Amino acid sequence: MKKVVGLIFSLVLFLSVSVGSVFAASNMDKAVDELVGTPYRWAGTTTKGFDCSGFTSYLFDEFGIDLPHSSKSQNSEGYWVDKSDLRKGDLVFFNTDGSGISHVGMYLGNGEFVHSATNQGVVKNKLSESYYAKRYVSARRVLWDDIYNQLTAESK
């Protein structure tokens, strides 16, 4: 009986590792995952620490796109996208201080976005979370289709 259980366990482990490697993350996913956990730093623009717009400008620089280091200025880049049409890579903007655009992150799909939060550093959150849902303002698309397709293709 132990041999059968061991054989089944080994087979399940082998299949899960094999299947996992077939569905590799995209280059965009890899870039984001490497930065999650980076600490928050006011005016930060490096992997030693990011503020929100420093994070997005650093991340998009990795994608070959130059963004200004200001959430308000980034809200003028690319073109406006309706919340119902968001796709991975779109910038999402929030009014967190009551004076207009004051925070930015990047949409990841499935209602999730990544950003550098003041007390947490680079984290993923849901747009539907009460705090962000109440403060959501707009979204902008700065990744043109050719770049988007390259970044979101699964790497092998």
N, C-alpha and C. Protein backbone atom coordinates (compact mmCIF):
# COMPACT_ATOMS: atom_id res chain seq x y z
N MET A 1 0.83 -1.20 0.00
CA MET A 1 0.00 0.00 0.00
C MET A 1 0.87 1.27 0.00
N LYS A 2 1.94 1.26 0.81
CA LYS A 2 2.83 2.43 0.86
C LYS A 2 3.47 2.70 -0.49
N LYS A 3 3.80 1.62 -1.22
CA LYS A 3 4.41 1.78 -2.54
C LYS A 3 3.42 2.42 -3.50
N VAL A 4 2.17 2.03 -3.44
CA VAL A 4 1.14 2.58 -4.32
C VAL A 4 0.95 4.07 -4.02
N VAL A 5 0.83 4.42 -2.74
CA VAL A 5 0.67 5.81 -2.34
C VAL A 5 1.89 6.62 -2.77
N GLY A 6 3.07 6.08 -2.57
CA GLY A 6 4.30 6.76 -2.97
C GLY A 6 4.37 6.96 -4.48
N LEU A 7 3.95 5.94 -5.22
CA LEU A 7 3.94 6.03 -6.68
C LEU A 7 2.95 7.10 -7.15
N ILE A 8 1.76 7.11 -6.57
CA ILE A 8 0.76 8.13 -6.92
C ILE A 8 1.27 9.52 -6.58
N PHE A 9 1.85 9.69 -5.40
CA PHE A 9 2.39 10.98 -4.99
C PHE A 9 3.47 11.44 -5.97
N SER A 10 4.37 10.53 -6.34
CA SER A 10 5.45 10.88 -7.28
C SER A 10 4.89 11.28 -8.64
N LEU A 11 3.86 10.54 -9.10
CA LEU A 11 3.25 10.85 -10.38
C LEU A 11 2.58 12.22 -10.36
N VAL A 12 1.84 12.51 -9.29
CA VAL A 12 1.18 13.82 -9.16
C VAL A 12 2.22 14.93 -9.11
N LEU A 13 3.28 14.75 -8.35
CA LEU A 13 4.34 15.74 -8.27
C LEU A 13 4.99 15.96 -9.63
N PHE A 14 5.30 14.89 -10.34
CA PHE A 14 5.90 15.00 -11.66
C PHE A 14 5.00 15.75 -12.63
N LEU A 15 3.71 15.41 -12.64
CA LEU A 15 2.78 16.07 -13.54
C LEU A 15 2.60 17.54 -13.20
N SER A 16 2.56 17.88 -11.92
CA SER A 16 2.36 19.28 -11.56
C SER A 16 3.58 20.11 -11.93
N VAL A 17 4.76 19.57 -11.78
CA VAL A 17 5.97 20.29 -12.18
C VAL A 17 6.02 20.41 -13.70
N SER A 18 5.71 19.35 -14.41
CA SER A 18 5.74 19.38 -15.87
C SER A 18 4.73 20.35 -16.43
N VAL A 19 3.49 20.32 -15.93
CA VAL A 19 2.45 21.21 -16.41
C VAL A 19 2.80 22.65 -16.09
N GLY A 20 3.34 22.90 -14.90
CA GLY A 20 3.71 24.26 -14.50
C GLY A 20 4.74 24.86 -15.43
N SER A 21 5.66 24.06 -15.91
CA SER A 21 6.69 24.62 -16.77
C SER A 21 6.18 24.91 -18.18
N VAL A 22 5.10 24.25 -18.59
CA VAL A 22 4.52 24.49 -19.91
C VAL A 22 3.87 25.87 -19.94
N PHE A 23 3.25 26.28 -18.85
CA PHE A 23 2.54 27.55 -18.79
C PHE A 23 3.41 28.59 -18.09
N ALA A 24 4.49 28.96 -18.72
CA ALA A 24 5.42 29.92 -18.15
C ALA A 24 4.81 31.32 -18.15
N ALA A 25 5.26 32.12 -17.24
CA ALA A 25 4.78 33.50 -17.13
C ALA A 25 5.27 34.33 -18.31
N SER A 26 4.52 35.39 -18.59
CA SER A 26 4.95 36.32 -19.64
C SER A 26 6.11 37.17 -19.13
N ASN A 27 6.75 37.88 -20.04
CA ASN A 27 7.83 38.80 -19.64
C ASN A 27 7.30 39.89 -18.72
N MET A 28 6.06 40.33 -18.96
CA MET A 28 5.47 41.33 -18.09
C MET A 28 5.28 40.78 -16.68
N ASP A 29 4.76 39.56 -16.59
CA ASP A 29 4.56 38.93 -15.29
C ASP A 29 5.89 38.78 -14.54
N LYS A 30 6.91 38.36 -15.26
CA LYS A 30 8.23 38.19 -14.64
C LYS A 30 8.77 39.52 -14.12
N ALA A 31 8.65 40.57 -14.92
CA ALA A 31 9.14 41.88 -14.50
C ALA A 31 8.42 42.35 -13.24
N VAL A 32 7.11 42.16 -13.20
CA VAL A 32 6.32 42.57 -12.03
C VAL A 32 6.72 41.73 -10.82
N ASP A 33 6.76 40.41 -10.99
CA ASP A 33 7.06 39.53 -9.86
C ASP A 33 8.42 39.81 -9.25
N GLU A 34 9.39 40.21 -10.08
CA GLU A 34 10.73 40.54 -9.56
C GLU A 34 10.71 41.78 -8.68
N LEU A 35 9.70 42.65 -8.87
CA LEU A 35 9.66 43.91 -8.12
C LEU A 35 8.72 43.87 -6.91
N VAL A 36 7.80 42.90 -6.87
CA VAL A 36 6.90 42.80 -5.72
C VAL A 36 7.74 42.59 -4.46
N GLY A 37 7.42 43.37 -3.45
CA GLY A 37 8.17 43.30 -2.20
C GLY A 37 9.21 44.40 -2.05
N THR A 38 9.49 45.12 -3.15
CA THR A 38 10.43 46.24 -3.06
C THR A 38 9.84 47.28 -2.11
N PRO A 39 10.63 47.82 -1.19
CA PRO A 39 10.07 48.77 -0.21
C PRO A 39 9.62 50.09 -0.84
N TYR A 40 8.74 50.77 -0.11
CA TYR A 40 8.32 52.12 -0.50
C TYR A 40 9.42 53.10 -0.11
N ARG A 41 9.68 54.06 -0.98
CA ARG A 41 10.60 55.15 -0.66
C ARG A 41 10.07 56.39 -1.35
N TRP A 42 9.82 57.44 -0.58
CA TRP A 42 9.33 58.70 -1.14
C TRP A 42 10.30 59.18 -2.20
N ALA A 43 9.79 59.50 -3.38
CA ALA A 43 10.56 59.94 -4.55
C ALA A 43 11.48 58.86 -5.09
N GLY A 44 11.29 57.62 -4.64
CA GLY A 44 12.16 56.53 -5.05
C GLY A 44 11.91 56.08 -6.48
N THR A 45 13.00 55.80 -7.18
CA THR A 45 12.91 55.39 -8.59
C THR A 45 13.78 54.17 -8.89
N THR A 46 14.28 53.49 -7.85
CA THR A 46 15.16 52.35 -8.06
C THR A 46 14.66 51.16 -7.23
N THR A 47 15.30 50.02 -7.44
CA THR A 47 14.91 48.82 -6.71
C THR A 47 15.26 48.89 -5.23
N LYS A 48 15.92 49.96 -4.81
CA LYS A 48 16.14 50.18 -3.37
C LYS A 48 14.87 50.71 -2.72
N GLY A 49 13.96 51.25 -3.53
CA GLY A 49 12.68 51.75 -3.04
C GLY A 49 11.99 52.61 -4.08
N PHE A 50 10.66 52.47 -4.17
CA PHE A 50 9.87 53.20 -5.15
C PHE A 50 8.74 53.96 -4.47
N ASP A 51 8.41 55.15 -5.01
CA ASP A 51 7.09 55.71 -4.76
C ASP A 51 6.23 55.20 -5.91
N CYS A 52 4.95 55.56 -5.94
CA CYS A 52 4.06 54.95 -6.94
C CYS A 52 4.47 55.26 -8.37
N SER A 53 4.73 56.51 -8.68
CA SER A 53 5.08 56.86 -10.06
C SER A 53 6.52 56.48 -10.39
N GLY A 54 7.37 56.41 -9.39
CA GLY A 54 8.73 55.91 -9.60
C GLY A 54 8.69 54.44 -9.99
N PHE A 55 7.77 53.70 -9.36
CA PHE A 55 7.60 52.29 -9.70
C PHE A 55 7.12 52.12 -11.13
N THR A 56 6.05 52.83 -11.51
CA THR A 56 5.53 52.66 -12.87
C THR A 56 6.52 53.16 -13.91
N SER A 57 7.21 54.27 -13.63
CA SER A 57 8.18 54.75 -14.62
C SER A 57 9.35 53.77 -14.76
N TYR A 58 9.79 53.16 -13.66
CA TYR A 58 10.85 52.16 -13.71
C TYR A 58 10.39 50.93 -14.49
N LEU A 59 9.19 50.44 -14.16
CA LEU A 59 8.66 49.25 -14.81
C LEU A 59 8.48 49.47 -16.32
N PHE A 60 7.92 50.60 -16.69
CA PHE A 60 7.69 50.85 -18.12
C PHE A 60 9.00 51.13 -18.85
N ASP A 61 10.00 51.65 -18.15
CA ASP A 61 11.31 51.81 -18.76
C ASP A 61 11.86 50.43 -19.14
N GLU A 62 11.59 49.43 -18.31
CA GLU A 62 11.98 48.05 -18.62
C GLU A 62 11.30 47.57 -19.91
N PHE A 63 10.13 48.13 -20.20
CA PHE A 63 9.38 47.78 -21.40
C PHE A 63 9.73 48.68 -22.59
N GLY A 64 10.67 49.62 -22.39
CA GLY A 64 11.09 50.53 -23.46
C GLY A 64 10.22 51.76 -23.60
N ILE A 65 9.47 52.10 -22.55
CA ILE A 65 8.57 53.26 -22.60
C ILE A 65 8.98 54.24 -21.52
N ASP A 66 9.19 55.49 -21.92
CA ASP A 66 9.59 56.55 -21.01
C ASP A 66 8.36 57.24 -20.42
N LEU A 67 8.22 57.18 -19.11
CA LEU A 67 7.12 57.86 -18.42
C LEU A 67 7.70 58.88 -17.46
N PRO A 68 7.01 60.00 -17.28
CA PRO A 68 7.47 60.99 -16.30
C PRO A 68 7.31 60.45 -14.88
N HIS A 69 8.06 61.05 -13.95
CA HIS A 69 7.99 60.62 -12.55
C HIS A 69 6.97 61.48 -11.80
N SER A 70 5.71 61.31 -12.18
CA SER A 70 4.61 62.01 -11.53
C SER A 70 3.32 61.32 -11.95
N SER A 71 2.49 60.94 -10.99
CA SER A 71 1.23 60.28 -11.35
C SER A 71 0.34 61.21 -12.17
N LYS A 72 0.31 62.49 -11.83
CA LYS A 72 -0.50 63.44 -12.61
C LYS A 72 -0.01 63.54 -14.05
N SER A 73 1.29 63.58 -14.24
CA SER A 73 1.86 63.66 -15.59
C SER A 73 1.64 62.35 -16.35
N GLN A 74 1.76 61.22 -15.67
CA GLN A 74 1.52 59.93 -16.34
C GLN A 74 0.08 59.82 -16.81
N ASN A 75 -0.83 60.53 -16.14
CA ASN A 75 -2.24 60.51 -16.53
C ASN A 75 -2.49 61.27 -17.83
N SER A 76 -1.46 61.85 -18.41
CA SER A 76 -1.57 62.53 -19.71
C SER A 76 -0.93 61.71 -20.83
N GLU A 77 -0.32 60.59 -20.48
CA GLU A 77 0.36 59.75 -21.47
C GLU A 77 -0.63 58.81 -22.15
N GLY A 78 -0.28 58.34 -23.33
CA GLY A 78 -1.11 57.37 -24.04
C GLY A 78 -2.51 57.89 -24.27
N TYR A 79 -3.49 57.02 -24.12
CA TYR A 79 -4.87 57.45 -24.30
C TYR A 79 -5.77 56.84 -23.24
N TRP A 80 -6.89 57.52 -22.99
CA TRP A 80 -7.85 57.12 -21.97
C TRP A 80 -8.49 55.78 -22.31
N VAL A 81 -8.71 54.95 -21.28
CA VAL A 81 -9.36 53.65 -21.44
C VAL A 81 -10.47 53.54 -20.41
N ASP A 82 -11.63 53.09 -20.85
CA ASP A 82 -12.74 52.86 -19.94
C ASP A 82 -12.40 51.72 -18.99
N LYS A 83 -12.85 51.82 -17.76
CA LYS A 83 -12.56 50.79 -16.75
C LYS A 83 -13.01 49.41 -17.22
N SER A 84 -14.09 49.34 -17.97
CA SER A 84 -14.59 48.05 -18.46
C SER A 84 -13.72 47.47 -19.57
N ASP A 85 -12.81 48.26 -20.13
CA ASP A 85 -11.94 47.81 -21.22
C ASP A 85 -10.48 47.66 -20.79
N LEU A 86 -10.21 47.65 -19.51
CA LEU A 86 -8.84 47.52 -19.03
C LEU A 86 -8.21 46.22 -19.52
N ARG A 87 -6.91 46.32 -19.87
CA ARG A 87 -6.14 45.12 -20.18
C ARG A 87 -4.82 45.22 -19.43
N LYS A 88 -4.18 44.08 -19.31
CA LYS A 88 -2.89 44.00 -18.62
C LYS A 88 -1.94 45.06 -19.17
N GLY A 89 -1.30 45.81 -18.27
CA GLY A 89 -0.34 46.82 -18.68
C GLY A 89 -0.89 48.24 -18.68
N ASP A 90 -2.21 48.40 -18.55
CA ASP A 90 -2.78 49.76 -18.50
C ASP A 90 -2.43 50.41 -17.16
N LEU A 91 -2.21 51.70 -17.20
CA LEU A 91 -2.00 52.46 -15.97
C LEU A 91 -3.36 52.77 -15.35
N VAL A 92 -3.47 52.62 -14.04
CA VAL A 92 -4.70 52.95 -13.32
C VAL A 92 -4.39 54.04 -12.30
N PHE A 93 -5.29 55.02 -12.21
CA PHE A 93 -5.05 56.23 -11.41
C PHE A 93 -6.10 56.39 -10.32
N PHE A 94 -5.65 56.95 -9.20
CA PHE A 94 -6.50 57.10 -8.02
C PHE A 94 -6.33 58.48 -7.42
N ASN A 95 -7.38 58.93 -6.73
CA ASN A 95 -7.34 60.16 -5.95
C ASN A 95 -7.31 59.72 -4.49
N THR A 96 -6.10 59.65 -3.93
CA THR A 96 -5.94 59.17 -2.55
C THR A 96 -5.82 60.28 -1.52
N ASP A 97 -5.67 61.52 -1.99
CA ASP A 97 -5.50 62.61 -1.02
C ASP A 97 -6.55 63.72 -1.16
N GLY A 98 -7.55 63.50 -2.02
CA GLY A 98 -8.63 64.47 -2.17
C GLY A 98 -8.33 65.63 -3.09
N SER A 99 -7.19 65.59 -3.78
CA SER A 99 -6.83 66.73 -4.64
C SER A 99 -6.59 66.32 -6.09
N GLY A 100 -7.26 65.28 -6.53
CA GLY A 100 -7.07 64.81 -7.91
C GLY A 100 -6.14 63.62 -7.96
N ILE A 101 -5.58 63.37 -9.14
CA ILE A 101 -4.71 62.21 -9.33
C ILE A 101 -3.52 62.31 -8.36
N SER A 102 -3.37 61.27 -7.53
CA SER A 102 -2.27 61.27 -6.57
C SER A 102 -1.62 59.89 -6.42
N HIS A 103 -2.12 58.90 -7.16
CA HIS A 103 -1.56 57.55 -7.06
C HIS A 103 -1.75 56.83 -8.39
N VAL A 104 -0.78 55.97 -8.73
CA VAL A 104 -0.82 55.22 -9.99
C VAL A 104 -0.32 53.80 -9.75
N GLY A 105 -0.88 52.89 -10.53
CA GLY A 105 -0.42 51.51 -10.53
C GLY A 105 -0.59 50.95 -11.93
N MET A 106 -0.25 49.67 -12.10
CA MET A 106 -0.41 49.02 -13.40
C MET A 106 -1.39 47.86 -13.26
N TYR A 107 -2.36 47.84 -14.17
CA TYR A 107 -3.38 46.80 -14.17
C TYR A 107 -2.77 45.46 -14.59
N LEU A 108 -3.14 44.38 -13.90
CA LEU A 108 -2.59 43.05 -14.17
C LEU A 108 -3.59 42.09 -14.81
N GLY A 109 -4.86 42.50 -14.86
CA GLY A 109 -5.90 41.60 -15.34
C GLY A 109 -6.67 41.01 -14.16
N ASN A 110 -7.84 40.47 -14.44
CA ASN A 110 -8.67 39.85 -13.42
C ASN A 110 -8.95 40.76 -12.23
N GLY A 111 -9.06 42.06 -12.49
CA GLY A 111 -9.39 43.01 -11.44
C GLY A 111 -8.25 43.36 -10.51
N GLU A 112 -7.03 42.93 -10.83
CA GLU A 112 -5.89 43.13 -9.95
C GLU A 112 -4.92 44.16 -10.55
N PHE A 113 -4.26 44.92 -9.68
CA PHE A 113 -3.24 45.86 -10.13
C PHE A 113 -2.05 45.80 -9.18
N VAL A 114 -0.90 46.28 -9.65
CA VAL A 114 0.31 46.32 -8.85
C VAL A 114 0.72 47.78 -8.71
N HIS A 115 1.24 48.13 -7.53
CA HIS A 115 1.61 49.52 -7.25
C HIS A 115 2.54 49.56 -6.06
N SER A 116 3.13 50.72 -5.82
CA SER A 116 3.95 50.90 -4.63
C SER A 116 3.13 51.69 -3.61
N ALA A 117 2.69 50.99 -2.58
CA ALA A 117 1.85 51.58 -1.53
C ALA A 117 2.72 52.13 -0.41
N THR A 118 2.33 53.27 0.11
CA THR A 118 3.13 53.98 1.11
C THR A 118 3.61 53.09 2.26
N ASN A 119 2.75 52.32 2.85
CA ASN A 119 3.13 51.53 4.03
C ASN A 119 3.53 50.09 3.71
N GLN A 120 3.46 49.71 2.42
CA GLN A 120 3.71 48.31 2.08
C GLN A 120 4.76 48.09 1.02
N GLY A 121 5.09 49.09 0.23
CA GLY A 121 5.98 48.88 -0.90
C GLY A 121 5.21 48.31 -2.07
N VAL A 122 5.90 47.61 -2.96
CA VAL A 122 5.26 47.10 -4.18
C VAL A 122 4.42 45.88 -3.82
N VAL A 123 3.10 46.02 -4.06
CA VAL A 123 2.13 44.99 -3.73
C VAL A 123 1.08 44.89 -4.83
N LYS A 124 0.32 43.81 -4.79
CA LYS A 124 -0.82 43.61 -5.69
C LYS A 124 -2.09 43.77 -4.87
N ASN A 125 -3.06 44.45 -5.45
CA ASN A 125 -4.37 44.64 -4.82
C ASN A 125 -5.45 44.49 -5.87
N LYS A 126 -6.69 44.37 -5.42
CA LYS A 126 -7.85 44.31 -6.30
C LYS A 126 -8.45 45.71 -6.44
N LEU A 127 -8.85 46.07 -7.65
CA LEU A 127 -9.54 47.34 -7.87
C LEU A 127 -10.86 47.37 -7.10
N SER A 128 -11.42 46.22 -6.82
CA SER A 128 -12.70 46.13 -6.13
C SER A 128 -12.59 46.33 -4.62
N GLU A 129 -11.38 46.34 -4.07
CA GLU A 129 -11.22 46.60 -2.64
C GLU A 129 -11.80 47.98 -2.34
N SER A 130 -12.51 48.09 -1.26
CA SER A 130 -13.24 49.31 -0.94
C SER A 130 -12.38 50.57 -1.06
N TYR A 131 -11.19 50.55 -0.50
CA TYR A 131 -10.32 51.73 -0.52
C TYR A 131 -10.05 52.18 -1.95
N TYR A 132 -9.68 51.25 -2.83
CA TYR A 132 -9.33 51.60 -4.21
C TYR A 132 -10.56 51.85 -5.07
N ALA A 133 -11.62 51.11 -4.85
CA ALA A 133 -12.85 51.31 -5.62
C ALA A 133 -13.39 52.72 -5.43
N LYS A 134 -13.32 53.24 -4.22
CA LYS A 134 -13.82 54.59 -3.92
C LYS A 134 -12.93 55.68 -4.50
N ARG A 135 -11.68 55.36 -4.73
CA ARG A 135 -10.70 56.37 -5.14
C ARG A 135 -10.27 56.27 -6.60
N TYR A 136 -10.76 55.25 -7.30
CA TYR A 136 -10.40 55.07 -8.71
C TYR A 136 -10.87 56.28 -9.52
N VAL A 137 -9.99 56.78 -10.40
CA VAL A 137 -10.31 57.95 -11.23
C VAL A 137 -10.35 57.59 -12.71
N SER A 138 -9.28 56.99 -13.23
CA SER A 138 -9.19 56.74 -14.66
C SER A 138 -8.10 55.73 -14.97
N ALA A 139 -7.98 55.44 -16.27
CA ALA A 139 -6.92 54.55 -16.76
C ALA A 139 -6.40 55.07 -18.09
N ARG A 140 -5.15 54.78 -18.36
CA ARG A 140 -4.51 55.18 -19.62
C ARG A 140 -3.79 53.98 -20.20
N ARG A 141 -3.82 53.88 -21.52
CA ARG A 141 -3.09 52.82 -22.22
C ARG A 141 -1.87 53.44 -22.86
N VAL A 142 -0.70 52.96 -22.45
CA VAL A 142 0.56 53.47 -23.00
C VAL A 142 1.34 52.38 -23.74
N LEU A 143 0.88 51.12 -23.63
CA LEU A 143 1.51 50.02 -24.35
C LEU A 143 0.78 49.81 -25.67
N TRP A 144 1.43 50.14 -26.76
CA TRP A 144 0.83 49.92 -28.07
C TRP A 144 0.77 48.43 -28.33
N ASP A 145 -0.08 48.01 -29.24
CA ASP A 145 -0.37 46.59 -29.45
C ASP A 145 0.86 45.73 -29.70
N ASP A 146 1.82 46.22 -30.50
CA ASP A 146 2.99 45.39 -30.79
C ASP A 146 3.82 45.13 -29.53
N ILE A 147 4.01 46.15 -28.71
CA ILE A 147 4.76 45.98 -27.45
C ILE A 147 3.96 45.12 -26.49
N TYR A 148 2.66 45.39 -26.39
CA TYR A 148 1.78 44.61 -25.52
C TYR A 148 1.85 43.13 -25.88
N ASN A 149 1.76 42.81 -27.16
CA ASN A 149 1.79 41.41 -27.59
C ASN A 149 3.11 40.74 -27.25
N GLN A 150 4.22 41.45 -27.37
CA GLN A 150 5.53 40.89 -27.02
C GLN A 150 5.61 40.64 -25.51
N LEU A 151 5.14 41.58 -24.72
CA LEU A 151 5.27 41.48 -23.26
C LEU A 151 4.33 40.46 -22.64
N THR A 152 3.19 40.24 -23.27
CA THR A 152 2.20 39.33 -22.67
C THR A 152 2.26 37.92 -23.24
N ALA A 153 3.08 37.70 -24.26
CA ALA A 153 3.25 36.34 -24.78
C ALA A 153 3.95 35.52 -23.73
N GLU A 154 3.49 34.28 -23.56
CA GLU A 154 4.14 33.41 -22.57
C GLU A 154 5.53 33.08 -23.04
N SER A 155 6.50 33.21 -22.12
CA SER A 155 7.87 32.85 -22.46
C SER A 155 8.08 31.38 -22.11
N LYS A 156 8.95 30.75 -22.85
CA LYS A 156 9.18 29.31 -22.62
C LYS A 156 10.61 29.03 -22.29
